[in-house]
Amino acid sequence: MACTDNYSHLDACSYALQLKLEEIEAQRQRHSGKWLEDNPLDFALAFGDFEHEVNEAMLVIRYMKLAPSIANALKTDTTAIVQFTIEEERAAHDREIALNSN
């Protein structure tokens, strides 16, 4: 499966989960104020738990989309990072020699 197919699948999952969140909010609006604040009905608790699960799933999808980007950046920038590190170490070494020679 190509990378674009993976992202397309993740986008579809994100959209489906977003629709679920909208459904939860619509149900809350329809049933708001029909119970005591400290004694919510079972379905209200279930919607709260379901909302938490949907938000967790959306977070996983975001991480799944972000991880390849980070991996690609590391792969692409490794040479530059190594070169920068070598230059910084060389500069620190040169400073140390200059300070010790005075």
PDB file of N, CA and C in Angstrom:
ATOM      1  N   MET A   1       0.845  -1.174   0.000  1.00  0.00           N
ATOM      2  CA  MET A   1       0.000   0.000   0.000  1.00  0.00           C
ATOM      3  C   MET A   1       0.893   1.240   0.000  1.00  0.00           C
ATOM      4  N   ALA A   2       0.593   2.177  -0.849  1.00  0.00           N
ATOM      5  CA  ALA A   2       1.404   3.393  -0.965  1.00  0.00           C
ATOM      6  C   ALA A   2       1.147   4.321   0.201  1.00  0.00           C
ATOM      7  N   CYS A   3       2.106   5.205   0.426  1.00  0.00           N
ATOM      8  CA  CYS A   3       2.011   6.151   1.544  1.00  0.00           C
ATOM      9  C   CYS A   3       0.764   7.020   1.423  1.00  0.00           C
ATOM     10  N   THR A   4       0.436   7.459   0.196  1.00  0.00           N
ATOM     11  CA  THR A   4      -0.746   8.300   0.034  1.00  0.00           C
ATOM     12  C   THR A   4      -2.003   7.539   0.413  1.00  0.00           C
ATOM     13  N   ASP A   5      -2.037   6.222   0.146  1.00  0.00           N
ATOM     14  CA  ASP A   5      -3.181   5.421   0.555  1.00  0.00           C
ATOM     15  C   ASP A   5      -3.294   5.389   2.074  1.00  0.00           C
ATOM     16  N   ASN A   6      -2.162   5.297   2.766  1.00  0.00           N
ATOM     17  CA  ASN A   6      -2.186   5.299   4.228  1.00  0.00           C
ATOM     18  C   ASN A   6      -2.747   6.608   4.753  1.00  0.00           C
ATOM     19  N   TYR A   7      -2.292   7.713   4.184  1.00  0.00           N
ATOM     20  CA  TYR A   7      -2.793   9.008   4.639  1.00  0.00           C
ATOM     21  C   TYR A   7      -4.264   9.176   4.301  1.00  0.00           C
ATOM     22  N   SER A   8      -4.674   8.689   3.148  1.00  0.00           N
ATOM     23  CA  SER A   8      -6.077   8.770   2.764  1.00  0.00           C
ATOM     24  C   SER A   8      -6.933   7.993   3.760  1.00  0.00           C
ATOM     25  N   HIS A   9      -6.454   6.822   4.131  1.00  0.00           N
ATOM     26  CA  HIS A   9      -7.164   6.003   5.114  1.00  0.00           C
ATOM     27  C   HIS A   9      -7.227   6.727   6.464  1.00  0.00           C
ATOM     28  N   LEU A  10      -6.121   7.330   6.871  1.00  0.00           N
ATOM     29  CA  LEU A  10      -6.100   8.052   8.143  1.00  0.00           C
ATOM     30  C   LEU A  10      -7.007   9.273   8.096  1.00  0.00           C
ATOM     31  N   ASP A  11      -7.035   9.956   6.960  1.00  0.00           N
ATOM     32  CA  ASP A  11      -7.934  11.101   6.814  1.00  0.00           C
ATOM     33  C   ASP A  11      -9.388  10.661   6.923  1.00  0.00           C
ATOM     34  N   ALA A  12      -9.711   9.527   6.311  1.00  0.00           N
ATOM     35  CA  ALA A  12     -11.076   9.002   6.391  1.00  0.00           C
ATOM     36  C   ALA A  12     -11.424   8.639   7.834  1.00  0.00           C
ATOM     37  N   CYS A  13     -10.480   8.046   8.544  1.00  0.00           N
ATOM     38  CA  CYS A  13     -10.705   7.711   9.957  1.00  0.00           C
ATOM     39  C   CYS A  13     -10.908   8.972  10.788  1.00  0.00           C
ATOM     40  N   SER A  14     -10.093   9.977  10.544  1.00  0.00           N
ATOM     41  CA  SER A  14     -10.227  11.243  11.271  1.00  0.00           C
ATOM     42  C   SER A  14     -11.598  11.856  11.035  1.00  0.00           C
ATOM     43  N   TYR A  15     -12.031  11.828   9.787  1.00  0.00           N
ATOM     44  CA  TYR A  15     -13.335  12.396   9.446  1.00  0.00           C
ATOM     45  C   TYR A  15     -14.458  11.627  10.145  1.00  0.00           C
ATOM     46  N   ALA A  16     -14.379  10.307  10.131  1.00  0.00           N
ATOM     47  CA  ALA A  16     -15.402   9.491  10.791  1.00  0.00           C
ATOM     48  C   ALA A  16     -15.440   9.772  12.289  1.00  0.00           C
ATOM     49  N   LEU A  17     -14.275   9.909  12.898  1.00  0.00           N
ATOM     50  CA  LEU A  17     -14.225  10.203  14.333  1.00  0.00           C
ATOM     51  C   LEU A  17     -14.760  11.596  14.625  1.00  0.00           C
ATOM     52  N   GLN A  18     -14.478  12.554  13.745  1.00  0.00           N
ATOM     53  CA  GLN A  18     -15.007  13.904  13.924  1.00  0.00           C
ATOM     54  C   GLN A  18     -16.536  13.889  13.870  1.00  0.00           C
ATOM     55  N   LEU A  19     -17.084  13.092  12.965  1.00  0.00           N
ATOM     56  CA  LEU A  19     -18.540  12.957  12.892  1.00  0.00           C
ATOM     57  C   LEU A  19     -19.094  12.362  14.184  1.00  0.00           C
ATOM     58  N   LYS A  20     -18.378  11.408  14.762  1.00  0.00           N
ATOM     59  CA  LYS A  20     -18.818  10.822  16.034  1.00  0.00           C
ATOM     60  C   LYS A  20     -18.842  11.876  17.138  1.00  0.00           C
ATOM     61  N   LEU A  21     -17.822  12.731  17.164  1.00  0.00           N
ATOM     62  CA  LEU A  21     -17.801  13.802  18.168  1.00  0.00           C
ATOM     63  C   LEU A  21     -18.985  14.747  17.979  1.00  0.00           C
ATOM     64  N   GLU A  22     -19.323  15.036  16.731  1.00  0.00           N
ATOM     65  CA  GLU A  22     -20.476  15.898  16.461  1.00  0.00           C
ATOM     66  C   GLU A  22     -21.771  15.228  16.907  1.00  0.00           C
ATOM     67  N   GLU A  23     -21.877  13.922  16.697  1.00  0.00           N
ATOM     68  CA  GLU A  23     -23.057  13.185  17.152  1.00  0.00           C
ATOM     69  C   GLU A  23     -23.175  13.229  18.673  1.00  0.00           C
ATOM     70  N   ILE A  24     -22.064  13.058  19.350  1.00  0.00           N
ATOM     71  CA  ILE A  24     -22.066  13.111  20.815  1.00  0.00           C
ATOM     72  C   ILE A  24     -22.543  14.476  21.279  1.00  0.00           C
ATOM     73  N   GLU A  25     -22.016  15.536  20.675  1.00  0.00           N
ATOM     74  CA  GLU A  25     -22.412  16.896  21.062  1.00  0.00           C
ATOM     75  C   GLU A  25     -23.890  17.130  20.777  1.00  0.00           C
ATOM     76  N   ALA A  26     -24.391  16.634  19.654  1.00  0.00           N
ATOM     77  CA  ALA A  26     -25.811  16.787  19.327  1.00  0.00           C
ATOM     78  C   ALA A  26     -26.679  16.078  20.364  1.00  0.00           C
ATOM     79  N   GLN A  27     -26.268  14.892  20.788  1.00  0.00           N
ATOM     80  CA  GLN A  27     -27.022  14.169  21.815  1.00  0.00           C
ATOM     81  C   GLN A  27     -26.990  14.923  23.143  1.00  0.00           C
ATOM     82  N   ARG A  28     -25.851  15.490  23.462  1.00  0.00           N
ATOM     83  CA  ARG A  28     -25.757  16.268  24.708  1.00  0.00           C
ATOM     84  C   ARG A  28     -26.695  17.470  24.664  1.00  0.00           C
ATOM     85  N   GLN A  29     -26.732  18.141  23.528  1.00  0.00           N
ATOM     86  CA  GLN A  29     -27.609  19.306  23.385  1.00  0.00           C
ATOM     87  C   GLN A  29     -29.076  18.895  23.509  1.00  0.00           C
ATOM     88  N   ARG A  30     -29.424  17.754  22.927  1.00  0.00           N
ATOM     89  CA  ARG A  30     -30.806  17.275  22.986  1.00  0.00           C
ATOM     90  C   ARG A  30     -31.232  16.900  24.391  1.00  0.00           C
ATOM     91  N   HIS A  31     -30.320  16.394  25.181  1.00  0.00           N
ATOM     92  CA  HIS A  31     -30.673  15.881  26.504  1.00  0.00           C
ATOM     93  C   HIS A  31     -30.120  16.731  27.644  1.00  0.00           C
ATOM     94  N   SER A  32     -29.660  17.922  27.348  1.00  0.00           N
ATOM     95  CA  SER A  32     -29.042  18.728  28.412  1.00  0.00           C
ATOM     96  C   SER A  32     -30.068  19.123  29.469  1.00  0.00           C
ATOM     97  N   GLY A  33     -29.622  19.121  30.707  1.00  0.00           N
ATOM     98  CA  GLY A  33     -30.449  19.566  31.812  1.00  0.00           C
ATOM     99  C   GLY A  33     -31.527  18.597  32.235  1.00  0.00           C
ATOM    100  N   LYS A  34     -31.469  17.366  31.822  1.00  0.00           N
ATOM    101  CA  LYS A  34     -32.519  16.408  32.155  1.00  0.00           C
ATOM    102  C   LYS A  34     -32.147  15.519  33.339  1.00  0.00           C
ATOM    103  N   TRP A  35     -31.100  15.897  34.077  1.00  0.00           N
ATOM    104  CA  TRP A  35     -30.685  15.134  35.248  1.00  0.00           C
ATOM    105  C   TRP A  35     -29.976  16.064  36.221  1.00  0.00           C
ATOM    106  N   LEU A  36     -29.824  15.595  37.444  1.00  0.00           N
ATOM    107  CA  LEU A  36     -29.093  16.372  38.436  1.00  0.00           C
ATOM    108  C   LEU A  36     -27.610  16.353  38.092  1.00  0.00           C
ATOM    109  N   GLU A  37     -26.948  17.472  38.346  1.00  0.00           N
ATOM    110  CA  GLU A  37     -25.540  17.606  37.976  1.00  0.00           C
ATOM    111  C   GLU A  37     -24.665  16.535  38.620  1.00  0.00           C
ATOM    112  N   ASP A  38     -24.927  16.222  39.886  1.00  0.00           N
ATOM    113  CA  ASP A  38     -24.096  15.239  40.583  1.00  0.00           C
ATOM    114  C   ASP A  38     -24.595  13.804  40.403  1.00  0.00           C
ATOM    115  N   ASN A  39     -25.649  13.621  39.597  1.00  0.00           N
ATOM    116  CA  ASN A  39     -26.196  12.288  39.367  1.00  0.00           C
ATOM    117  C   ASN A  39     -26.602  12.133  37.894  1.00  0.00           C
ATOM    118  N   PRO A  40     -25.610  12.112  36.999  1.00  0.00           N
ATOM    119  CA  PRO A  40     -25.948  12.011  35.571  1.00  0.00           C
ATOM    120  C   PRO A  40     -26.511  10.634  35.227  1.00  0.00           C
ATOM    121  N   LEU A  41     -27.312  10.605  34.179  1.00  0.00           N
ATOM    122  CA  LEU A  41     -27.879   9.348  33.710  1.00  0.00           C
ATOM    123  C   LEU A  41     -26.790   8.495  33.063  1.00  0.00           C
ATOM    124  N   ASP A  42     -27.068   7.197  32.995  1.00  0.00           N
ATOM    125  CA  ASP A  42     -26.077   6.265  32.443  1.00  0.00           C
ATOM    126  C   ASP A  42     -25.639   6.638  31.031  1.00  0.00           C
ATOM    127  N   PHE A  43     -26.600   7.057  30.183  1.00  0.00           N
ATOM    128  CA  PHE A  43     -26.220   7.373  28.805  1.00  0.00           C
ATOM    129  C   PHE A  43     -25.297   8.587  28.757  1.00  0.00           C
ATOM    130  N   ALA A  44     -25.455   9.528  29.697  1.00  0.00           N
ATOM    131  CA  ALA A  44     -24.572  10.698  29.731  1.00  0.00           C
ATOM    132  C   ALA A  44     -23.151  10.273  30.099  1.00  0.00           C
ATOM    133  N   LEU A  45     -23.040   9.367  31.043  1.00  0.00           N
ATOM    134  CA  LEU A  45     -21.718   8.839  31.398  1.00  0.00           C
ATOM    135  C   LEU A  45     -21.113   8.067  30.227  1.00  0.00           C
ATOM    136  N   ALA A  46     -21.952   7.289  29.549  1.00  0.00           N
ATOM    137  CA  ALA A  46     -21.470   6.518  28.399  1.00  0.00           C
ATOM    138  C   ALA A  46     -20.981   7.443  27.290  1.00  0.00           C
ATOM    139  N   PHE A  47     -21.718   8.528  27.039  1.00  0.00           N
ATOM    140  CA  PHE A  47     -21.279   9.487  26.020  1.00  0.00           C
ATOM    141  C   PHE A  47     -19.956  10.132  26.412  1.00  0.00           C
ATOM    142  N   GLY A  48     -19.789  10.413  27.697  1.00  0.00           N
ATOM    143  CA  GLY A  48     -18.526  10.986  28.162  1.00  0.00           C
ATOM    144  C   GLY A  48     -17.365  10.030  27.944  1.00  0.00           C
ATOM    145  N   ASP A  49     -17.587   8.770  28.271  1.00  0.00           N
ATOM    146  CA  ASP A  49     -16.540   7.758  28.054  1.00  0.00           C
ATOM    147  C   ASP A  49     -16.252   7.573  26.569  1.00  0.00           C
ATOM    148  N   PHE A  50     -17.319   7.545  25.772  1.00  0.00           N
ATOM    149  CA  PHE A  50     -17.150   7.374  24.328  1.00  0.00           C
ATOM    150  C   PHE A  50     -16.405   8.567  23.729  1.00  0.00           C
ATOM    151  N   GLU A  51     -16.737   9.763  24.186  1.00  0.00           N
ATOM    152  CA  GLU A  51     -16.044  10.961  23.702  1.00  0.00           C
ATOM    153  C   GLU A  51     -14.550  10.885  24.022  1.00  0.00           C
ATOM    154  N   HIS A  52     -14.233  10.429  25.220  1.00  0.00           N
ATOM    155  CA  HIS A  52     -12.829  10.275  25.605  1.00  0.00           C
ATOM    156  C   HIS A  52     -12.122   9.287  24.670  1.00  0.00           C
ATOM    157  N   GLU A  53     -12.761   8.163  24.396  1.00  0.00           N
ATOM    158  CA  GLU A  53     -12.175   7.154  23.505  1.00  0.00           C
ATOM    159  C   GLU A  53     -11.983   7.702  22.089  1.00  0.00           C
ATOM    160  N   VAL A  54     -12.961   8.453  21.595  1.00  0.00           N
ATOM    161  CA  VAL A  54     -12.854   9.031  20.250  1.00  0.00           C
ATOM    162  C   VAL A  54     -11.702  10.025  20.202  1.00  0.00           C
ATOM    163  N   ASN A  55     -11.585  10.862  21.226  1.00  0.00           N
ATOM    164  CA  ASN A  55     -10.479  11.828  21.269  1.00  0.00           C
ATOM    165  C   ASN A  55      -9.126  11.126  21.332  1.00  0.00           C
ATOM    166  N   GLU A  56      -9.040  10.033  22.074  1.00  0.00           N
ATOM    167  CA  GLU A  56      -7.796   9.257  22.131  1.00  0.00           C
ATOM    168  C   GLU A  56      -7.465   8.670  20.758  1.00  0.00           C
ATOM    169  N   ALA A  57      -8.469   8.162  20.071  1.00  0.00           N
ATOM    170  CA  ALA A  57      -8.247   7.601  18.732  1.00  0.00           C
ATOM    171  C   ALA A  57      -7.794   8.684  17.757  1.00  0.00           C
ATOM    172  N   MET A  58      -8.368   9.876  17.872  1.00  0.00           N
ATOM    173  CA  MET A  58      -7.950  10.980  17.002  1.00  0.00           C
ATOM    174  C   MET A  58      -6.499  11.367  17.278  1.00  0.00           C
ATOM    175  N   LEU A  59      -6.103  11.317  18.530  1.00  0.00           N
ATOM    176  CA  LEU A  59      -4.717  11.621  18.888  1.00  0.00           C
ATOM    177  C   LEU A  59      -3.759  10.585  18.289  1.00  0.00           C
ATOM    178  N   VAL A  60      -4.140   9.326  18.346  1.00  0.00           N
ATOM    179  CA  VAL A  60      -3.317   8.267  17.752  1.00  0.00           C
ATOM    180  C   VAL A  60      -3.159   8.505  16.251  1.00  0.00           C
ATOM    181  N   ILE A  61      -4.235   8.882  15.584  1.00  0.00           N
ATOM    182  CA  ILE A  61      -4.170   9.149  14.145  1.00  0.00           C
ATOM    183  C   ILE A  61      -3.246  10.321  13.862  1.00  0.00           C
ATOM    184  N   ARG A  62      -3.334  11.372  14.676  1.00  0.00           N
ATOM    185  CA  ARG A  62      -2.427  12.517  14.485  1.00  0.00           C
ATOM    186  C   ARG A  62      -0.973  12.080  14.627  1.00  0.00           C
ATOM    187  N   TYR A  63      -0.692  11.253  15.624  1.00  0.00           N
ATOM    188  CA  TYR A  63       0.675  10.753  15.813  1.00  0.00           C
ATOM    189  C   TYR A  63       1.108   9.881  14.637  1.00  0.00           C
ATOM    190  N   MET A  64       0.191   9.074  14.124  1.00  0.00           N
ATOM    191  CA  MET A  64       0.514   8.211  12.987  1.00  0.00           C
ATOM    192  C   MET A  64       0.840   9.035  11.746  1.00  0.00           C
ATOM    193  N   LYS A  65       0.202  10.188  11.612  1.00  0.00           N
ATOM    194  CA  LYS A  65       0.490  11.061  10.473  1.00  0.00           C
ATOM    195  C   LYS A  65       1.779  11.846  10.700  1.00  0.00           C
ATOM    196  N   LEU A  66       2.077  12.167  11.942  1.00  0.00           N
ATOM    197  CA  LEU A  66       3.255  12.962  12.263  1.00  0.00           C
ATOM    198  C   LEU A  66       4.537  12.126  12.252  1.00  0.00           C
ATOM    199  N   ALA A  67       4.461  10.893  12.686  1.00  0.00           N
ATOM    200  CA  ALA A  67       5.658  10.050  12.815  1.00  0.00           C
ATOM    201  C   ALA A  67       6.451   9.915  11.512  1.00  0.00           C
ATOM    202  N   PRO A  68       5.824   9.638  10.375  1.00  0.00           N
ATOM    203  CA  PRO A  68       6.616   9.550   9.140  1.00  0.00           C
ATOM    204  C   PRO A  68       7.291  10.873   8.779  1.00  0.00           C
ATOM    205  N   SER A  69       6.645  11.973   9.105  1.00  0.00           N
ATOM    206  CA  SER A  69       7.235  13.281   8.824  1.00  0.00           C
ATOM    207  C   SER A  69       8.499  13.493   9.648  1.00  0.00           C
ATOM    208  N   ILE A  70       8.447  13.125  10.916  1.00  0.00           N
ATOM    209  CA  ILE A  70       9.621  13.253  11.783  1.00  0.00           C
ATOM    210  C   ILE A  70      10.725  12.316  11.299  1.00  0.00           C
ATOM    211  N   ALA A  71      10.360  11.095  10.958  1.00  0.00           N
ATOM    212  CA  ALA A  71      11.355  10.131  10.466  1.00  0.00           C
ATOM    213  C   ALA A  71      12.007  10.636   9.185  1.00  0.00           C
ATOM    214  N   ASN A  72      11.215  11.205   8.302  1.00  0.00           N
ATOM    215  CA  ASN A  72      11.761  11.735   7.054  1.00  0.00           C
ATOM    216  C   ASN A  72      12.689  12.914   7.324  1.00  0.00           C
ATOM    217  N   ALA A  73      12.310  13.782   8.257  1.00  0.00           N
ATOM    218  CA  ALA A  73      13.160  14.927   8.600  1.00  0.00           C
ATOM    219  C   ALA A  73      14.494  14.453   9.169  1.00  0.00           C
ATOM    220  N   LEU A  74      14.454  13.466  10.036  1.00  0.00           N
ATOM    221  CA  LEU A  74      15.697  12.931  10.598  1.00  0.00           C
ATOM    222  C   LEU A  74      16.566  12.309   9.515  1.00  0.00           C
ATOM    223  N   LYS A  75      15.940  11.560   8.638  1.00  0.00           N
ATOM    224  CA  LYS A  75      16.687  10.920   7.550  1.00  0.00           C
ATOM    225  C   LYS A  75      17.308  11.978   6.635  1.00  0.00           C
ATOM    226  N   THR A  76      16.539  12.998   6.316  1.00  0.00           N
ATOM    227  CA  THR A  76      17.000  14.052   5.414  1.00  0.00           C
ATOM    228  C   THR A  76      18.074  14.919   6.050  1.00  0.00           C
ATOM    229  N   ASP A  77      17.913  15.233   7.330  1.00  0.00           N
ATOM    230  CA  ASP A  77      18.791  16.198   7.989  1.00  0.00           C
ATOM    231  C   ASP A  77      19.963  15.572   8.737  1.00  0.00           C
ATOM    232  N   THR A  78      20.084  14.264   8.739  1.00  0.00           N
ATOM    233  CA  THR A  78      21.143  13.608   9.505  1.00  0.00           C
ATOM    234  C   THR A  78      22.522  14.126   9.125  1.00  0.00           C
ATOM    235  N   THR A  79      22.797  14.237   7.850  1.00  0.00           N
ATOM    236  CA  THR A  79      24.111  14.708   7.404  1.00  0.00           C
ATOM    237  C   THR A  79      24.374  16.121   7.905  1.00  0.00           C
ATOM    238  N   ALA A  80      23.388  16.989   7.783  1.00  0.00           N
ATOM    239  CA  ALA A  80      23.556  18.372   8.234  1.00  0.00           C
ATOM    240  C   ALA A  80      23.752  18.434   9.746  1.00  0.00           C
ATOM    241  N   ILE A  81      23.013  17.618  10.482  1.00  0.00           N
ATOM    242  CA  ILE A  81      23.140  17.607  11.944  1.00  0.00           C
ATOM    243  C   ILE A  81      24.525  17.117  12.350  1.00  0.00           C
ATOM    244  N   VAL A  82      25.001  16.068  11.717  1.00  0.00           N
ATOM    245  CA  VAL A  82      26.339  15.544  12.023  1.00  0.00           C
ATOM    246  C   VAL A  82      27.394  16.599  11.710  1.00  0.00           C
ATOM    247  N   GLN A  83      27.298  17.242  10.556  1.00  0.00           N
ATOM    248  CA  GLN A  83      28.263  18.271  10.171  1.00  0.00           C
ATOM    249  C   GLN A  83      28.243  19.434  11.160  1.00  0.00           C
ATOM    250  N   PHE A  84      27.047  19.866  11.548  1.00  0.00           N
ATOM    251  CA  PHE A  84      26.919  20.955  12.514  1.00  0.00           C
ATOM    252  C   PHE A  84      27.553  20.566  13.850  1.00  0.00           C
ATOM    253  N   THR A  85      27.320  19.342  14.294  1.00  0.00           N
ATOM    254  CA  THR A  85      27.889  18.861  15.556  1.00  0.00           C
ATOM    255  C   THR A  85      29.409  18.844  15.493  1.00  0.00           C
ATOM    256  N   ILE A  86      29.956  18.370  14.387  1.00  0.00           N
ATOM    257  CA  ILE A  86      31.418  18.350  14.226  1.00  0.00           C
ATOM    258  C   ILE A  86      31.978  19.766  14.281  1.00  0.00           C
ATOM    259  N   GLU A  87      31.338  20.698  13.595  1.00  0.00           N
ATOM    260  CA  GLU A  87      31.798  22.089  13.593  1.00  0.00           C
ATOM    261  C   GLU A  87      31.721  22.703  14.985  1.00  0.00           C
ATOM    262  N   GLU A  88      30.652  22.418  15.713  1.00  0.00           N
ATOM    263  CA  GLU A  88      30.509  22.939  17.074  1.00  0.00           C
ATOM    264  C   GLU A  88      31.585  22.364  17.990  1.00  0.00           C
ATOM    265  N   GLU A  89      31.846  21.068  17.876  1.00  0.00           N
ATOM    266  CA  GLU A  89      32.896  20.450  18.697  1.00  0.00           C
ATOM    267  C   GLU A  89      34.261  21.029  18.357  1.00  0.00           C
ATOM    268  N   ARG A  90      34.525  21.259  17.086  1.00  0.00           N
ATOM    269  CA  ARG A  90      35.794  21.839  16.655  1.00  0.00           C
ATOM    270  C   ARG A  90      35.933  23.266  17.207  1.00  0.00           C
ATOM    271  N   ALA A  91      34.860  24.043  17.142  1.00  0.00           N
ATOM    272  CA  ALA A  91      34.899  25.418  17.649  1.00  0.00           C
ATOM    273  C   ALA A  91      35.122  25.424  19.159  1.00  0.00           C
ATOM    274  N   ALA A  92      34.465  24.515  19.876  1.00  0.00           N
ATOM    275  CA  ALA A  92      34.655  24.438  21.324  1.00  0.00           C
ATOM    276  C   ALA A  92      36.089  24.041  21.647  1.00  0.00           C
ATOM    277  N   HIS A  93      36.634  23.111  20.898  1.00  0.00           N
ATOM    278  CA  HIS A  93      38.025  22.686  21.091  1.00  0.00           C
ATOM    279  C   HIS A  93      38.984  23.851  20.810  1.00  0.00           C
ATOM    280  N   ASP A  94      38.741  24.591  19.731  1.00  0.00           N
ATOM    281  CA  ASP A  94      39.587  25.744  19.396  1.00  0.00           C
ATOM    282  C   ASP A  94      39.527  26.811  20.488  1.00  0.00           C
ATOM    283  N   ARG A  95      38.338  27.057  21.032  1.00  0.00           N
ATOM    284  CA  ARG A  95      38.200  28.036  22.122  1.00  0.00           C
ATOM    285  C   ARG A  95      38.996  27.591  23.341  1.00  0.00           C
ATOM    286  N   GLU A  96      38.907  26.303  23.645  1.00  0.00           N
ATOM    287  CA  GLU A  96      39.637  25.768  24.798  1.00  0.00           C
ATOM    288  C   GLU A  96      41.146  25.925  24.604  1.00  0.00           C
ATOM    289  N   ILE A  97      41.639  25.640  23.427  1.00  0.00           N
ATOM    290  CA  ILE A  97      43.073  25.809  23.137  1.00  0.00           C
ATOM    291  C   ILE A  97      43.466  27.276  23.248  1.00  0.00           C
ATOM    292  N   ALA A  98      42.637  28.169  22.722  1.00  0.00           N
ATOM    293  CA  ALA A  98      42.937  29.604  22.781  1.00  0.00           C
ATOM    294  C   ALA A  98      42.975  30.092  24.225  1.00  0.00           C
ATOM    295  N   LEU A  99      42.043  29.629  25.045  1.00  0.00           N
ATOM    296  CA  LEU A  99      42.021  30.049  26.452  1.00  0.00           C
ATOM    297  C   LEU A  99      43.225  29.494  27.210  1.00  0.00           C
ATOM    298  N   ASN A 100      43.629  28.281  26.909  1.00  0.00           N
ATOM    299  CA  ASN A 100      44.761  27.657  27.595  1.00  0.00           C
ATOM    300  C   ASN A 100      46.109  28.223  27.151  1.00  0.00           C
ATOM    301  N   SER A 101      46.173  28.776  25.950  1.00  0.00           N
ATOM    302  CA  SER A 101      47.452  29.304  25.463  1.00  0.00           C
ATOM    303  C   SER A 101      47.751  30.694  26.016  1.00  0.00           C
ATOM    304  N   ASN A 102      46.790  31.350  26.610  1.00  0.00           N
ATOM    305  CA  ASN A 102      47.016  32.694  27.177  1.00  0.00           C
ATOM    306  C   ASN A 102      47.602  32.628  28.529  1.00  0.00           C
TER     307      ASN A 102
END
